[in-house]
Amino acid sequence: MASCIVCGVDDSSGARKAARVADELARDLGARLVLLHGAPVAPSVMYGVPFDSDAFQREALEDARRLLEDVAGTCTVEQVSQRAELGSAIEVLVRVLEDEGADLLVVGTRGRGAMRSVLLGSVAHEMLAVAPCPVVVVSPHTVS
């Protein structure tokens, strides 16, 4: 029995479907659900011009919190929490999986296909290689 399921959430339809799958799994397994979003870390200089990275990061975290609150509002599992963290998606997912002692990670994919994912990068594919727990990848074509 899983005690903690982490679901990576962004603003894509694939991530929303992944959250629905994670919610169903958590409910069926009696696990707690952690919804997670990694907000980007801003540079202090952009294009050679000083950049207000603190304001950017505050806004990015606030946007992440609003997104997580919206997704959490659709969940039916009893124990659901939300974490907005600064950092790349991969870095944040691995850190939170370890922090939470997660038994399972659920992530969505954008359905770009293998070649485009290799060229453009894919959080789902990368997590299959580095996650310290099993990973469920939810296709955007999943019927729900």
N, C-alpha and C. Protein backbone atom coordinates (compact mmCIF):
# COMPACT_ATOMS: atom_id res chain seq x y z
N MET A 1 0.84 -1.18 0.00
CA MET A 1 0.00 0.00 0.00
C MET A 1 0.88 1.24 0.00
N ALA A 2 0.61 2.15 -0.91
CA ALA A 2 1.36 3.41 -0.99
C ALA A 2 0.89 4.34 0.12
N SER A 3 1.84 5.02 0.75
CA SER A 3 1.44 5.97 1.78
C SER A 3 1.54 7.40 1.28
N CYS A 4 2.34 7.64 0.22
CA CYS A 4 2.48 8.98 -0.32
C CYS A 4 2.67 8.92 -1.83
N ILE A 5 1.84 9.67 -2.53
CA ILE A 5 1.94 9.80 -3.97
C ILE A 5 2.20 11.27 -4.27
N VAL A 6 3.24 11.52 -5.06
CA VAL A 6 3.55 12.88 -5.49
C VAL A 6 3.14 13.01 -6.94
N CYS A 7 2.50 14.14 -7.27
CA CYS A 7 2.11 14.41 -8.65
C CYS A 7 2.69 15.75 -9.08
N GLY A 8 3.51 15.73 -10.13
CA GLY A 8 4.04 16.96 -10.70
C GLY A 8 2.97 17.64 -11.53
N VAL A 9 2.77 18.92 -11.27
CA VAL A 9 1.68 19.67 -11.92
C VAL A 9 2.25 20.91 -12.60
N ASP A 10 1.84 21.12 -13.85
CA ASP A 10 2.06 22.40 -14.51
C ASP A 10 0.73 22.80 -15.14
N ASP A 11 0.75 23.75 -16.07
CA ASP A 11 -0.53 24.21 -16.60
C ASP A 11 -0.97 23.48 -17.87
N SER A 12 -0.38 22.32 -18.14
CA SER A 12 -0.74 21.56 -19.35
C SER A 12 -1.94 20.64 -19.09
N SER A 13 -2.60 20.26 -20.18
CA SER A 13 -3.72 19.32 -20.05
C SER A 13 -3.21 17.96 -19.60
N GLY A 14 -2.01 17.57 -20.02
CA GLY A 14 -1.42 16.30 -19.59
C GLY A 14 -1.22 16.26 -18.08
N ALA A 15 -0.79 17.37 -17.50
CA ALA A 15 -0.59 17.44 -16.05
C ALA A 15 -1.92 17.38 -15.31
N ARG A 16 -2.94 17.99 -15.87
CA ARG A 16 -4.27 17.93 -15.24
C ARG A 16 -4.79 16.49 -15.24
N LYS A 17 -4.57 15.78 -16.35
CA LYS A 17 -4.97 14.38 -16.40
C LYS A 17 -4.15 13.56 -15.42
N ALA A 18 -2.87 13.85 -15.30
CA ALA A 18 -2.02 13.15 -14.34
C ALA A 18 -2.53 13.38 -12.91
N ALA A 19 -2.97 14.60 -12.61
CA ALA A 19 -3.50 14.90 -11.27
C ALA A 19 -4.76 14.09 -11.00
N ARG A 20 -5.60 13.92 -12.01
CA ARG A 20 -6.82 13.11 -11.82
C ARG A 20 -6.45 11.65 -11.55
N VAL A 21 -5.47 11.13 -12.29
CA VAL A 21 -5.02 9.75 -12.07
C VAL A 21 -4.40 9.61 -10.68
N ALA A 22 -3.57 10.57 -10.30
CA ALA A 22 -2.93 10.53 -8.97
C ALA A 22 -3.99 10.58 -7.87
N ASP A 23 -5.00 11.41 -8.05
CA ASP A 23 -6.09 11.52 -7.08
C ASP A 23 -6.80 10.17 -6.93
N GLU A 24 -7.13 9.54 -8.05
CA GLU A 24 -7.80 8.23 -8.01
C GLU A 24 -6.93 7.18 -7.33
N LEU A 25 -5.64 7.17 -7.66
CA LEU A 25 -4.73 6.20 -7.04
C LEU A 25 -4.63 6.43 -5.53
N ALA A 26 -4.47 7.69 -5.14
CA ALA A 26 -4.36 8.01 -3.71
C ALA A 26 -5.62 7.60 -2.97
N ARG A 27 -6.76 7.89 -3.55
CA ARG A 27 -8.03 7.52 -2.92
C ARG A 27 -8.16 6.00 -2.81
N ASP A 28 -7.88 5.30 -3.91
CA ASP A 28 -8.02 3.84 -3.91
C ASP A 28 -7.02 3.14 -2.98
N LEU A 29 -5.83 3.74 -2.84
CA LEU A 29 -4.77 3.12 -2.02
C LEU A 29 -4.73 3.65 -0.60
N GLY A 30 -5.55 4.63 -0.29
CA GLY A 30 -5.54 5.22 1.05
C GLY A 30 -4.27 6.01 1.32
N ALA A 31 -3.71 6.59 0.28
CA ALA A 31 -2.45 7.34 0.40
C ALA A 31 -2.72 8.83 0.46
N ARG A 32 -1.76 9.56 0.96
CA ARG A 32 -1.86 11.02 0.90
C ARG A 32 -1.28 11.46 -0.45
N LEU A 33 -1.77 12.56 -0.96
CA LEU A 33 -1.37 13.09 -2.25
C LEU A 33 -0.68 14.43 -2.06
N VAL A 34 0.47 14.56 -2.70
CA VAL A 34 1.21 15.82 -2.69
C VAL A 34 1.24 16.34 -4.13
N LEU A 35 0.62 17.50 -4.35
CA LEU A 35 0.68 18.17 -5.64
C LEU A 35 1.87 19.11 -5.62
N LEU A 36 2.67 19.06 -6.67
CA LEU A 36 3.95 19.78 -6.67
C LEU A 36 4.16 20.54 -7.97
N HIS A 37 4.66 21.76 -7.84
CA HIS A 37 5.04 22.54 -9.02
C HIS A 37 6.40 23.18 -8.77
N GLY A 38 7.29 23.03 -9.73
CA GLY A 38 8.60 23.68 -9.67
C GLY A 38 8.56 25.01 -10.40
N ALA A 39 8.76 26.10 -9.67
CA ALA A 39 8.76 27.44 -10.26
C ALA A 39 10.18 27.79 -10.69
N PRO A 40 10.34 28.46 -11.82
CA PRO A 40 11.68 28.74 -12.33
C PRO A 40 12.46 29.71 -11.44
N VAL A 41 13.77 29.48 -11.40
CA VAL A 41 14.68 30.38 -10.70
C VAL A 41 15.14 31.41 -11.72
N ALA A 42 15.00 32.69 -11.40
CA ALA A 42 15.33 33.75 -12.34
C ALA A 42 16.79 34.18 -12.20
N PRO A 43 17.40 34.56 -13.30
CA PRO A 43 18.77 35.08 -13.24
C PRO A 43 18.76 36.50 -12.67
N SER A 44 19.89 36.94 -12.16
CA SER A 44 19.97 38.31 -11.64
C SER A 44 20.31 39.30 -12.76
N VAL A 45 20.81 38.77 -13.89
CA VAL A 45 21.09 39.59 -15.06
C VAL A 45 20.48 38.90 -16.27
N MET A 46 19.76 39.66 -17.10
CA MET A 46 19.17 39.09 -18.30
C MET A 46 19.53 39.99 -19.48
N TYR A 47 20.12 39.39 -20.49
CA TYR A 47 20.56 40.13 -21.68
C TYR A 47 21.48 41.29 -21.29
N GLY A 48 22.32 41.06 -20.29
CA GLY A 48 23.28 42.07 -19.87
C GLY A 48 22.71 43.18 -19.03
N VAL A 49 21.43 43.08 -18.69
CA VAL A 49 20.76 44.13 -17.91
C VAL A 49 20.36 43.55 -16.55
N PRO A 50 20.59 44.29 -15.46
CA PRO A 50 20.14 43.79 -14.15
C PRO A 50 18.65 43.46 -14.18
N PHE A 51 18.30 42.35 -13.54
CA PHE A 51 16.93 41.86 -13.57
C PHE A 51 16.46 41.66 -12.13
N ASP A 52 15.25 42.07 -11.82
CA ASP A 52 14.70 41.92 -10.46
C ASP A 52 14.25 40.47 -10.26
N SER A 53 15.22 39.60 -9.99
CA SER A 53 14.91 38.18 -9.86
C SER A 53 14.04 37.89 -8.64
N ASP A 54 14.19 38.66 -7.58
CA ASP A 54 13.36 38.43 -6.39
C ASP A 54 11.88 38.63 -6.70
N ALA A 55 11.56 39.70 -7.40
CA ALA A 55 10.16 39.96 -7.75
C ALA A 55 9.64 38.89 -8.71
N PHE A 56 10.48 38.49 -9.66
CA PHE A 56 10.08 37.45 -10.61
C PHE A 56 9.78 36.14 -9.87
N GLN A 57 10.65 35.76 -8.96
CA GLN A 57 10.48 34.51 -8.21
C GLN A 57 9.28 34.56 -7.29
N ARG A 58 9.03 35.71 -6.65
CA ARG A 58 7.83 35.85 -5.83
C ARG A 58 6.58 35.65 -6.68
N GLU A 59 6.56 36.27 -7.86
CA GLU A 59 5.41 36.14 -8.75
C GLU A 59 5.27 34.70 -9.27
N ALA A 60 6.40 34.06 -9.60
CA ALA A 60 6.36 32.68 -10.08
C ALA A 60 5.81 31.74 -9.00
N LEU A 61 6.22 31.96 -7.76
CA LEU A 61 5.72 31.12 -6.65
C LEU A 61 4.23 31.38 -6.41
N GLU A 62 3.81 32.63 -6.53
CA GLU A 62 2.39 32.95 -6.35
C GLU A 62 1.56 32.31 -7.46
N ASP A 63 2.06 32.37 -8.69
CA ASP A 63 1.37 31.70 -9.82
C ASP A 63 1.28 30.20 -9.56
N ALA A 64 2.37 29.62 -9.06
CA ALA A 64 2.39 28.18 -8.76
C ALA A 64 1.37 27.84 -7.69
N ARG A 65 1.28 28.66 -6.67
CA ARG A 65 0.31 28.41 -5.59
C ARG A 65 -1.12 28.47 -6.10
N ARG A 66 -1.40 29.44 -6.99
CA ARG A 66 -2.75 29.53 -7.57
C ARG A 66 -3.06 28.30 -8.41
N LEU A 67 -2.10 27.86 -9.21
CA LEU A 67 -2.28 26.66 -10.03
C LEU A 67 -2.55 25.45 -9.14
N LEU A 68 -1.74 25.27 -8.11
CA LEU A 68 -1.90 24.12 -7.22
C LEU A 68 -3.24 24.17 -6.49
N GLU A 69 -3.65 25.35 -6.07
CA GLU A 69 -4.94 25.50 -5.38
C GLU A 69 -6.08 25.10 -6.32
N ASP A 70 -5.97 25.51 -7.57
CA ASP A 70 -6.99 25.17 -8.56
C ASP A 70 -7.06 23.66 -8.77
N VAL A 71 -5.90 23.02 -8.92
CA VAL A 71 -5.87 21.57 -9.13
C VAL A 71 -6.34 20.84 -7.88
N ALA A 72 -5.91 21.29 -6.71
CA ALA A 72 -6.32 20.65 -5.45
C ALA A 72 -7.84 20.71 -5.28
N GLY A 73 -8.45 21.76 -5.79
CA GLY A 73 -9.90 21.90 -5.69
C GLY A 73 -10.66 20.83 -6.45
N THR A 74 -10.01 20.15 -7.37
CA THR A 74 -10.66 19.09 -8.14
C THR A 74 -10.41 17.71 -7.53
N CYS A 75 -9.57 17.64 -6.51
CA CYS A 75 -9.21 16.34 -5.91
C CYS A 75 -10.28 15.86 -4.94
N THR A 76 -10.41 14.54 -4.86
CA THR A 76 -11.39 13.94 -3.97
C THR A 76 -10.76 13.19 -2.80
N VAL A 77 -9.45 12.98 -2.84
CA VAL A 77 -8.77 12.27 -1.78
C VAL A 77 -8.79 13.12 -0.50
N GLU A 78 -8.84 12.44 0.65
CA GLU A 78 -8.90 13.16 1.92
C GLU A 78 -7.66 13.99 2.21
N GLN A 79 -6.50 13.39 2.02
CA GLN A 79 -5.25 14.06 2.38
C GLN A 79 -4.53 14.54 1.12
N VAL A 80 -4.68 15.82 0.82
CA VAL A 80 -3.98 16.41 -0.31
C VAL A 80 -3.27 17.67 0.15
N SER A 81 -1.99 17.76 -0.18
CA SER A 81 -1.23 18.97 0.15
C SER A 81 -0.59 19.51 -1.11
N GLN A 82 -0.14 20.74 -1.00
CA GLN A 82 0.42 21.44 -2.16
C GLN A 82 1.79 21.99 -1.81
N ARG A 83 2.72 21.82 -2.76
CA ARG A 83 4.07 22.36 -2.57
C ARG A 83 4.50 23.09 -3.83
N ALA A 84 4.83 24.35 -3.68
CA ALA A 84 5.42 25.16 -4.74
C ALA A 84 6.87 25.39 -4.34
N GLU A 85 7.80 24.96 -5.17
CA GLU A 85 9.22 25.03 -4.85
C GLU A 85 9.97 25.72 -5.99
N LEU A 86 11.02 26.44 -5.66
CA LEU A 86 11.87 27.06 -6.68
C LEU A 86 12.88 26.04 -7.20
N GLY A 87 13.04 26.00 -8.52
CA GLY A 87 14.03 25.13 -9.13
C GLY A 87 13.49 24.48 -10.38
N SER A 88 14.36 23.78 -11.08
CA SER A 88 13.93 23.08 -12.29
C SER A 88 13.00 21.95 -11.90
N ALA A 89 12.15 21.55 -12.83
CA ALA A 89 11.17 20.50 -12.54
C ALA A 89 11.85 19.22 -12.04
N ILE A 90 12.91 18.79 -12.71
CA ILE A 90 13.60 17.56 -12.32
C ILE A 90 14.17 17.68 -10.91
N GLU A 91 14.89 18.76 -10.67
CA GLU A 91 15.52 18.99 -9.36
C GLU A 91 14.47 19.02 -8.24
N VAL A 92 13.39 19.73 -8.47
CA VAL A 92 12.34 19.86 -7.47
C VAL A 92 11.64 18.52 -7.23
N LEU A 93 11.32 17.81 -8.31
CA LEU A 93 10.66 16.51 -8.16
C LEU A 93 11.51 15.55 -7.34
N VAL A 94 12.78 15.43 -7.68
CA VAL A 94 13.65 14.49 -6.95
C VAL A 94 13.76 14.89 -5.48
N ARG A 95 13.95 16.19 -5.22
CA ARG A 95 14.09 16.66 -3.83
C ARG A 95 12.83 16.37 -3.02
N VAL A 96 11.66 16.65 -3.59
CA VAL A 96 10.40 16.46 -2.86
C VAL A 96 10.08 14.97 -2.71
N LEU A 97 10.37 14.16 -3.72
CA LEU A 97 10.16 12.72 -3.58
C LEU A 97 10.92 12.19 -2.37
N GLU A 98 12.16 12.63 -2.23
CA GLU A 98 12.97 12.21 -1.09
C GLU A 98 12.45 12.80 0.22
N ASP A 99 12.12 14.10 0.22
CA ASP A 99 11.60 14.76 1.43
C ASP A 99 10.33 14.08 1.94
N GLU A 100 9.45 13.74 1.03
CA GLU A 100 8.15 13.18 1.39
C GLU A 100 8.20 11.66 1.61
N GLY A 101 9.31 11.03 1.26
CA GLY A 101 9.37 9.57 1.33
C GLY A 101 8.34 8.95 0.40
N ALA A 102 8.20 9.51 -0.79
CA ALA A 102 7.15 9.10 -1.73
C ALA A 102 7.32 7.66 -2.19
N ASP A 103 6.19 7.00 -2.33
CA ASP A 103 6.15 5.63 -2.85
C ASP A 103 5.89 5.61 -4.34
N LEU A 104 5.38 6.72 -4.89
CA LEU A 104 4.99 6.74 -6.29
C LEU A 104 5.00 8.19 -6.79
N LEU A 105 5.44 8.37 -8.03
CA LEU A 105 5.37 9.67 -8.70
C LEU A 105 4.45 9.53 -9.89
N VAL A 106 3.55 10.50 -10.07
CA VAL A 106 2.67 10.55 -11.23
C VAL A 106 2.96 11.86 -11.96
N VAL A 107 3.28 11.74 -13.25
CA VAL A 107 3.53 12.92 -14.08
C VAL A 107 2.80 12.76 -15.41
N GLY A 108 2.49 13.88 -16.02
CA GLY A 108 1.88 13.87 -17.34
C GLY A 108 2.94 14.06 -18.39
N THR A 109 2.54 13.83 -19.62
CA THR A 109 3.40 14.09 -20.75
C THR A 109 2.62 14.90 -21.77
N ARG A 110 3.32 15.63 -22.57
CA ARG A 110 2.66 16.48 -23.57
C ARG A 110 2.35 15.71 -24.85
N GLY A 111 2.84 14.49 -24.96
CA GLY A 111 2.53 13.66 -26.12
C GLY A 111 3.22 14.10 -27.39
N ARG A 112 4.45 14.61 -27.25
CA ARG A 112 5.18 15.11 -28.42
C ARG A 112 5.79 14.00 -29.27
N GLY A 113 5.87 12.79 -28.75
CA GLY A 113 6.53 11.71 -29.47
C GLY A 113 7.98 11.58 -29.05
N ALA A 114 8.56 10.43 -29.34
CA ALA A 114 9.91 10.11 -28.86
C ALA A 114 10.97 11.06 -29.40
N MET A 115 10.97 11.32 -30.69
CA MET A 115 12.03 12.15 -31.29
C MET A 115 11.97 13.58 -30.77
N ARG A 116 10.80 14.17 -30.75
CA ARG A 116 10.69 15.55 -30.25
C ARG A 116 11.03 15.62 -28.77
N SER A 117 10.69 14.59 -27.99
CA SER A 117 11.03 14.58 -26.57
C SER A 117 12.53 14.53 -26.37
N VAL A 118 13.21 13.74 -27.22
CA VAL A 118 14.67 13.66 -27.13
C VAL A 118 15.28 15.02 -27.46
N LEU A 119 14.79 15.66 -28.49
CA LEU A 119 15.34 16.95 -28.92
C LEU A 119 14.98 18.08 -27.97
N LEU A 120 13.75 18.11 -27.49
CA LEU A 120 13.27 19.21 -26.66
C LEU A 120 13.38 18.94 -25.17
N GLY A 121 13.56 17.69 -24.80
CA GLY A 121 13.61 17.33 -23.40
C GLY A 121 12.23 16.94 -22.89
N SER A 122 12.21 16.06 -21.92
CA SER A 122 10.95 15.60 -21.36
C SER A 122 11.15 15.31 -19.89
N VAL A 123 10.41 16.00 -19.07
CA VAL A 123 10.47 15.76 -17.63
C VAL A 123 10.07 14.32 -17.33
N ALA A 124 9.02 13.84 -17.98
CA ALA A 124 8.55 12.47 -17.74
C ALA A 124 9.64 11.46 -18.05
N HIS A 125 10.28 11.59 -19.22
CA HIS A 125 11.34 10.64 -19.58
C HIS A 125 12.52 10.73 -18.63
N GLU A 126 12.90 11.93 -18.25
CA GLU A 126 14.02 12.09 -17.33
C GLU A 126 13.70 11.48 -15.96
N MET A 127 12.47 11.67 -15.49
CA MET A 127 12.11 11.13 -14.18
C MET A 127 12.11 9.61 -14.17
N LEU A 128 11.81 8.99 -15.31
CA LEU A 128 11.89 7.52 -15.38
C LEU A 128 13.29 7.05 -15.05
N ALA A 129 14.28 7.86 -15.38
CA ALA A 129 15.67 7.48 -15.15
C ALA A 129 16.18 7.84 -13.76
N VAL A 130 15.68 8.92 -13.16
CA VAL A 130 16.29 9.41 -11.93
C VAL A 130 15.42 9.32 -10.68
N ALA A 131 14.15 9.04 -10.82
CA ALA A 131 13.26 9.02 -9.64
C ALA A 131 13.63 7.89 -8.69
N PRO A 132 13.59 8.16 -7.38
CA PRO A 132 13.90 7.13 -6.39
C PRO A 132 12.71 6.21 -6.08
N CYS A 133 11.66 6.28 -6.89
CA CYS A 133 10.46 5.46 -6.69
C CYS A 133 9.85 5.16 -8.06
N PRO A 134 8.87 4.27 -8.13
CA PRO A 134 8.19 4.02 -9.40
C PRO A 134 7.51 5.29 -9.93
N VAL A 135 7.41 5.36 -11.27
CA VAL A 135 6.83 6.52 -11.94
C VAL A 135 5.69 6.07 -12.84
N VAL A 136 4.56 6.75 -12.74
CA VAL A 136 3.44 6.54 -13.65
C VAL A 136 3.41 7.75 -14.58
N VAL A 137 3.50 7.50 -15.89
CA VAL A 137 3.45 8.57 -16.88
C VAL A 137 2.07 8.52 -17.55
N VAL A 138 1.35 9.62 -17.46
CA VAL A 138 -0.01 9.70 -17.98
C VAL A 138 0.02 10.44 -19.32
N SER A 139 -0.46 9.79 -20.34
CA SER A 139 -0.52 10.35 -21.68
C SER A 139 -1.63 11.40 -21.76
N PRO A 140 -1.45 12.43 -22.58
CA PRO A 140 -2.53 13.40 -22.75
C PRO A 140 -3.73 12.77 -23.47
N HIS A 141 -3.53 11.59 -24.06
CA HIS A 141 -4.60 10.91 -24.77
C HIS A 141 -5.41 10.00 -23.84
N THR A 142 -5.05 9.97 -22.55
CA THR A 142 -5.76 9.17 -21.57
C THR A 142 -7.20 9.66 -21.46
N VAL A 143 -8.13 8.74 -21.52
CA VAL A 143 -9.54 9.09 -21.38
C VAL A 143 -9.85 9.17 -19.90
N SER A 144 -10.47 10.26 -19.49
CA SER A 144 -10.83 10.39 -18.08
C SER A 144 -12.15 11.07 -17.90
